Amino acid sequence: MSPELAGAYAYCERLVRSHYENFPVASRLLPAQMRPHVAAIYAFARIADDMADEGNRPDAARIDDLFNWGVRLDRAIGPGSPDAGPHGEVFVALRHSIPACQLPVQLFHDLLSAFRQDVIVKRYETWEDLLDYCRRSANPVGRLVLRVAGHRHDQLDAASDAVCTALQLTNFWQDLRIDWDRGRLYLPASVWRATGATEEGLDAERFPDEWRSAVLDAVEYTRSLFVRGRPVCDGVEGRLKYELRATWLGGTRILDKLEAARFDPFAQRPKLSWTDAPLILWRTATWPAAAD
């Protein structure tokens, strides 16, 4: 590995360590040869996600940034050299990772299409609408990780999609207040209307019972996706299975915290802390067989 490439992967790994996530990313649980590639994938997605969410730029500028991010990706994997713009190290790394791991470039562009949608779409009417967003915003990451590990099986892809969607939904329920303050509401209107909730209720001094019921319904649906996706944790070999188990357990632990808070994410954002690590590691190591 050239010094330039080694430095690019190190840059991506530093970015991984600087962001909180509900699940391990390129952790020591992963085989060493996978970590740089997974860090490069994460860095690409993390930076693009921040383009859609962070700062005070106009929506048009965010869309332009995301479009240019995709152009830089295509340029990086084409003839010539990656450009030396901001975060250019990410493209140096991906220029190596994409052919080395046979990563479908379309999955990266699917991510960008979801992030662009995030800029302009603030509400979702049905589960179908939200799941289509998750298909592009979350599921590509799981499929890319499987490709890095050498897995190309439809059944594993389907299980991975269920887990990745569940993780994305968990993040939405966890960040309900943060997103509301930004003018976004991911919980489908068909769910909260059915409980009698209103958008005005989210501005009330006390989190309304109708919204607690809506969050409960959303959590139960999300748990069903975790159950559906559990086979991906048992369908891979070696150290990857421990990374996927810890990922699965981290997501379900957040749902447990939401339930303990009586489905009120406004009072305090449920998140993982160092005190959760022993329990997650123990459950990772003592992972029981799936129930029939």
Protein backbone atom coordinates (compact mmCIF):
# COMPACT_ATOMS: atom_id res chain seq x y z
CA MET A 1 0.00 0.00 0.00
CA SER A 2 1.43 3.36 -1.01
CA PRO A 3 1.86 6.10 1.63
CA GLU A 4 -0.87 8.13 -0.12
CA LEU A 5 -3.35 5.26 0.04
CA ALA A 6 -2.46 4.40 3.63
CA GLY A 7 -2.96 8.04 4.59
CA ALA A 8 -6.33 8.14 2.81
CA TYR A 9 -7.60 5.10 4.70
CA ALA A 10 -6.28 6.54 7.97
CA TYR A 11 -8.23 9.74 7.24
CA CYS A 12 -11.44 7.72 6.77
CA GLU A 13 -10.84 5.78 9.97
CA ARG A 14 -10.34 9.00 11.94
CA LEU A 15 -13.67 10.23 10.60
CA VAL A 16 -15.31 7.01 11.78
CA ARG A 17 -13.99 7.52 15.30
CA SER A 18 -15.17 11.14 15.45
CA HIS A 19 -18.88 10.39 15.02
CA TYR A 20 -21.35 8.78 17.42
CA GLU A 21 -23.33 5.88 16.00
CA ASN A 22 -25.72 3.35 17.51
CA PHE A 23 -23.59 0.54 16.14
CA PRO A 24 -19.91 -0.30 15.65
CA VAL A 25 -18.28 0.92 12.42
CA ALA A 26 -15.05 -0.70 11.24
CA SER A 27 -14.43 -1.76 14.84
CA ARG A 28 -11.93 -4.27 16.17
CA LEU A 29 -14.64 -6.88 15.81
CA LEU A 30 -14.14 -6.75 12.03
CA PRO A 31 -11.35 -8.64 10.29
CA ALA A 32 -8.42 -6.26 9.85
CA GLN A 33 -8.48 -6.51 6.06
CA MET A 34 -12.10 -5.28 5.97
CA ARG A 35 -11.73 -2.24 8.21
CA PRO A 36 -10.14 0.22 5.74
CA HIS A 37 -12.75 -0.53 3.05
CA VAL A 38 -15.67 -0.21 5.50
CA ALA A 39 -14.21 3.03 6.86
CA ALA A 40 -14.03 4.43 3.31
CA ILE A 41 -17.67 3.51 2.66
CA TYR A 42 -18.74 5.07 5.96
CA ALA A 43 -16.73 8.25 5.32
CA PHE A 44 -18.35 8.71 1.91
CA ALA A 45 -21.84 8.30 3.39
CA ARG A 46 -21.18 10.30 6.57
CA ILE A 47 -19.85 13.36 4.74
CA ALA A 48 -22.73 13.28 2.25
CA ASP A 49 -25.26 12.92 5.06
CA ASP A 50 -23.76 15.96 6.79
CA MET A 51 -24.06 17.91 3.53
CA ALA A 52 -27.80 17.27 3.65
CA ASP A 53 -28.20 18.00 7.37
CA GLU A 54 -25.56 20.22 8.88
CA GLY A 55 -24.95 23.96 8.72
CA ASN A 56 -27.19 26.79 7.55
CA ARG A 57 -26.74 26.67 3.79
CA PRO A 58 -29.70 27.06 1.40
CA ASP A 59 -31.30 23.86 0.12
CA ALA A 60 -30.08 24.56 -3.42
CA ALA A 61 -26.49 24.68 -2.17
CA ARG A 62 -26.93 21.36 -0.39
CA ILE A 63 -28.27 19.75 -3.54
CA ASP A 64 -25.35 21.13 -5.52
CA ASP A 65 -22.87 19.79 -2.96
CA LEU A 66 -24.40 16.31 -3.12
CA PHE A 67 -24.43 16.37 -6.92
CA ASN A 68 -20.76 17.35 -6.95
CA TRP A 69 -19.98 14.61 -4.43
CA GLY A 70 -21.34 12.09 -6.93
CA VAL A 71 -19.38 13.66 -9.77
CA ARG A 72 -16.21 13.38 -7.73
CA LEU A 73 -16.96 9.71 -7.08
CA ASP A 74 -17.38 8.98 -10.80
CA ARG A 75 -14.21 10.90 -11.57
CA ALA A 76 -12.30 8.98 -8.91
CA ILE A 77 -13.10 5.58 -10.38
CA GLY A 78 -12.49 6.71 -13.97
CA PRO A 79 -9.24 7.31 -15.80
CA GLY A 80 -6.96 9.92 -14.35
CA SER A 81 -6.59 10.85 -10.71
CA PRO A 82 -9.09 11.82 -7.99
CA ASP A 83 -9.34 15.56 -7.48
CA ALA A 84 -7.65 17.20 -4.53
CA GLY A 85 -10.74 18.97 -3.19
CA PRO A 86 -12.06 18.81 0.38
CA HIS A 87 -12.10 15.26 1.75
CA GLY A 88 -10.19 14.09 -1.31
CA GLU A 89 -8.74 11.28 0.79
CA VAL A 90 -12.14 9.57 0.69
CA PHE A 91 -11.94 9.26 -3.08
CA VAL A 92 -8.35 8.07 -3.00
CA ALA A 93 -9.52 5.28 -0.70
CA LEU A 94 -12.63 4.43 -2.76
CA ARG A 95 -10.62 4.39 -5.98
CA HIS A 96 -8.86 1.40 -4.44
CA SER A 97 -11.76 -0.17 -2.50
CA ILE A 98 -14.36 -0.20 -5.29
CA PRO A 99 -12.44 -2.41 -7.73
CA ALA A 100 -10.66 -4.39 -5.00
CA CYS A 101 -13.98 -5.44 -3.42
CA GLN A 102 -16.10 -5.29 -6.60
CA LEU A 103 -18.43 -2.73 -5.03
CA PRO A 104 -21.43 -1.68 -7.17
CA VAL A 105 -21.09 2.05 -7.78
CA GLN A 106 -24.87 2.36 -8.10
CA LEU A 107 -25.21 1.68 -4.37
CA PHE A 108 -23.17 4.83 -3.66
CA HIS A 109 -25.41 6.81 -5.99
CA ASP A 110 -28.49 5.37 -4.28
CA LEU A 111 -27.20 6.86 -1.04
CA LEU A 112 -26.79 10.25 -2.67
CA SER A 113 -30.31 10.14 -4.11
CA ALA A 114 -31.68 9.58 -0.61
CA PHE A 115 -29.62 12.41 0.86
CA ARG A 116 -30.88 14.76 -1.86
CA GLN A 117 -34.42 13.67 -1.02
CA ASP A 118 -33.71 14.50 2.62
CA VAL A 119 -33.12 18.11 1.66
CA ILE A 120 -36.52 18.62 0.06
CA VAL A 121 -38.89 16.01 1.56
CA LYS A 122 -39.95 16.84 5.13
CA ARG A 123 -42.91 14.49 5.64
CA TYR A 124 -43.87 10.89 4.82
CA GLU A 125 -47.44 9.73 4.42
CA THR A 126 -47.13 5.94 4.59
CA TRP A 127 -44.71 3.19 5.58
CA GLU A 128 -44.24 2.45 1.88
CA ASP A 129 -43.00 6.00 1.29
CA LEU A 130 -40.57 5.86 4.20
CA LEU A 131 -39.31 2.37 3.34
CA ASP A 132 -38.47 3.51 -0.18
CA TYR A 133 -36.31 6.21 1.35
CA CYS A 134 -34.62 3.67 3.66
CA ARG A 135 -34.00 1.40 0.67
CA ARG A 136 -31.66 4.07 -0.64
CA SER A 137 -30.46 5.78 2.57
CA ALA A 138 -29.55 2.74 4.67
CA ASN A 139 -29.73 -0.55 2.81
CA PRO A 140 -26.85 0.18 0.41
CA VAL A 141 -24.41 0.36 3.32
CA GLY A 142 -25.25 -3.14 4.49
CA ARG A 143 -24.94 -4.55 0.99
CA LEU A 144 -21.60 -2.83 0.51
CA VAL A 145 -20.28 -4.31 3.76
CA LEU A 146 -21.38 -7.76 2.62
CA ARG A 147 -19.58 -7.23 -0.69
CA VAL A 148 -16.41 -6.22 1.16
CA ALA A 149 -16.68 -9.55 3.00
CA GLY A 150 -17.14 -11.41 -0.29
CA HIS A 151 -20.84 -12.22 0.17
CA ARG A 152 -23.15 -11.99 -2.83
CA HIS A 153 -26.32 -13.87 -1.86
CA ASP A 154 -29.90 -12.71 -2.29
CA GLN A 155 -31.01 -14.10 1.09
CA LEU A 156 -28.23 -12.33 2.96
CA ASP A 157 -28.97 -9.12 1.06
CA ALA A 158 -32.65 -9.30 2.05
CA ALA A 159 -31.81 -9.90 5.72
CA SER A 160 -29.24 -7.11 5.65
CA ASP A 161 -31.82 -4.75 4.13
CA ALA A 162 -34.22 -5.49 7.01
CA VAL A 163 -31.56 -4.75 9.65
CA CYS A 164 -30.35 -1.59 7.91
CA THR A 165 -33.88 -0.27 7.55
CA ALA A 166 -34.53 -1.09 11.22
CA LEU A 167 -31.39 0.80 12.22
CA GLN A 168 -32.44 3.81 10.14
CA LEU A 169 -35.92 3.80 11.67
CA THR A 170 -34.46 3.46 15.16
CA ASN A 171 -32.39 6.57 14.50
CA PHE A 172 -35.53 8.41 13.39
CA TRP A 173 -37.43 7.58 16.59
CA GLN A 174 -34.34 8.39 18.66
CA ASP A 175 -33.97 11.79 16.96
CA LEU A 176 -37.65 12.67 16.73
CA ARG A 177 -37.15 15.94 18.57
CA ILE A 178 -33.95 16.89 16.72
CA ASP A 179 -35.63 16.30 13.36
CA TRP A 180 -38.78 18.14 14.44
CA ASP A 181 -36.70 21.18 15.36
CA ARG A 182 -35.25 21.01 11.82
CA GLY A 183 -38.73 20.89 10.31
CA ARG A 184 -38.71 17.17 9.53
CA LEU A 185 -41.04 14.41 10.64
CA TYR A 186 -40.19 10.89 9.52
CA LEU A 187 -42.88 8.99 11.42
CA PRO A 188 -45.52 8.28 8.75
CA ALA A 189 -48.67 10.37 8.97
CA SER A 190 -50.79 7.24 8.56
CA VAL A 191 -49.38 5.97 11.88
CA TRP A 192 -49.74 9.07 14.04
CA ARG A 193 -53.10 10.09 12.63
CA ALA A 194 -54.45 6.67 13.57
CA THR A 195 -53.68 7.40 17.24
CA GLY A 196 -55.32 10.84 17.13
CA ALA A 197 -52.00 12.69 17.28
CA THR A 198 -51.47 16.06 15.60
CA GLU A 199 -48.34 17.91 14.55
CA GLU A 200 -49.29 20.70 16.94
CA GLY A 201 -48.98 18.19 19.76
CA LEU A 202 -45.22 18.03 19.21
CA ASP A 203 -45.00 21.66 20.33
CA ALA A 204 -46.90 20.98 23.55
CA GLU A 205 -45.15 21.34 26.91
CA ARG A 206 -45.78 17.67 27.66
CA PHE A 207 -45.28 14.87 25.13
CA PRO A 208 -48.88 13.83 24.33
CA ASP A 209 -50.15 10.31 25.00
CA GLU A 210 -51.28 10.11 21.37
CA TRP A 211 -47.68 10.56 20.27
CA ARG A 212 -46.49 7.98 22.78
CA SER A 213 -48.89 5.53 21.14
CA ALA A 214 -47.62 6.44 17.70
CA VAL A 215 -43.99 5.95 18.76
CA LEU A 216 -44.94 2.63 20.38
CA ASP A 217 -46.46 1.46 17.08
CA ALA A 218 -43.36 2.58 15.21
CA VAL A 219 -41.06 0.79 17.68
CA GLU A 220 -43.03 -2.44 17.37
CA TYR A 221 -42.80 -2.31 13.59
CA THR A 222 -39.08 -1.61 13.83
CA ARG A 223 -38.59 -4.59 16.16
CA SER A 224 -40.29 -6.80 13.57
CA LEU A 225 -37.70 -5.70 11.01
CA PHE A 226 -34.85 -6.53 13.38
CA VAL A 227 -36.34 -10.01 13.80
CA ARG A 228 -36.68 -10.41 10.04
CA GLY A 229 -33.08 -9.35 9.52
CA ARG A 230 -31.53 -11.44 12.28
CA PRO A 231 -30.44 -14.24 9.88
CA VAL A 232 -27.73 -11.99 8.43
CA CYS A 233 -26.01 -12.13 11.82
CA ASP A 234 -25.96 -15.94 11.60
CA GLY A 235 -25.34 -16.22 7.87
CA VAL A 236 -21.78 -14.86 7.79
CA GLU A 237 -18.61 -16.36 9.14
CA GLY A 238 -15.65 -15.33 11.25
CA ARG A 239 -15.36 -12.02 13.04
CA LEU A 240 -17.88 -10.29 10.79
CA LYS A 241 -20.68 -12.13 12.56
CA TYR A 242 -19.65 -10.47 15.84
CA GLU A 243 -19.71 -7.03 14.26
CA LEU A 244 -23.19 -7.70 12.88
CA ARG A 245 -24.41 -9.09 16.19
CA ALA A 246 -23.17 -5.98 18.00
CA THR A 247 -24.83 -3.81 15.35
CA TRP A 248 -28.13 -5.64 15.79
CA LEU A 249 -27.90 -5.46 19.58
CA GLY A 250 -27.01 -1.77 19.57
CA GLY A 251 -30.12 -0.94 17.56
CA THR A 252 -32.46 -3.04 19.69
CA ARG A 253 -30.90 -1.57 22.84
CA ILE A 254 -31.98 1.91 21.72
CA LEU A 255 -35.52 0.60 21.29
CA ASP A 256 -35.35 -0.84 24.82
CA LYS A 257 -34.38 2.61 26.11
CA LEU A 258 -37.26 4.20 24.23
CA GLU A 259 -39.62 1.70 25.79
CA ALA A 260 -38.17 2.37 29.25
CA ALA A 261 -38.82 6.10 28.65
CA ARG A 262 -42.46 5.25 27.92
CA PHE A 263 -41.93 6.09 24.23
CA ASP A 264 -41.10 9.74 24.89
CA PRO A 265 -37.95 10.73 22.95
CA PHE A 266 -38.56 14.41 23.69
CA ALA A 267 -37.77 14.23 27.41
CA GLN A 268 -34.29 12.81 26.80
CA ARG A 269 -32.70 11.45 23.64
CA PRO A 270 -32.11 7.72 24.15
CA LYS A 271 -28.56 6.82 23.19
CA LEU A 272 -25.89 4.26 23.88
CA SER A 273 -23.15 5.01 26.40
CA TRP A 274 -20.09 3.19 27.68
CA THR A 275 -22.27 1.57 30.33
CA ASP A 276 -24.12 -0.33 27.60
CA ALA A 277 -20.92 -1.83 26.18
CA PRO A 278 -20.54 -4.73 28.68
CA LEU A 279 -24.11 -5.90 28.10
CA ILE A 280 -23.81 -5.67 24.31
CA LEU A 281 -20.45 -7.46 24.31
CA TRP A 282 -21.76 -10.20 26.61
CA ARG A 283 -24.84 -10.72 24.42
CA THR A 284 -22.63 -10.69 21.34
CA ALA A 285 -20.54 -13.49 22.80
CA THR A 286 -23.49 -15.52 24.12
CA TRP A 287 -25.71 -15.02 21.07
CA PRO A 288 -28.52 -17.61 21.26
CA ALA A 289 -29.84 -19.60 18.35
CA ALA A 290 -32.74 -17.96 16.54
CA ALA A 291 -36.20 -19.05 17.61
CA ASP A 292 -38.15 -21.07 15.05
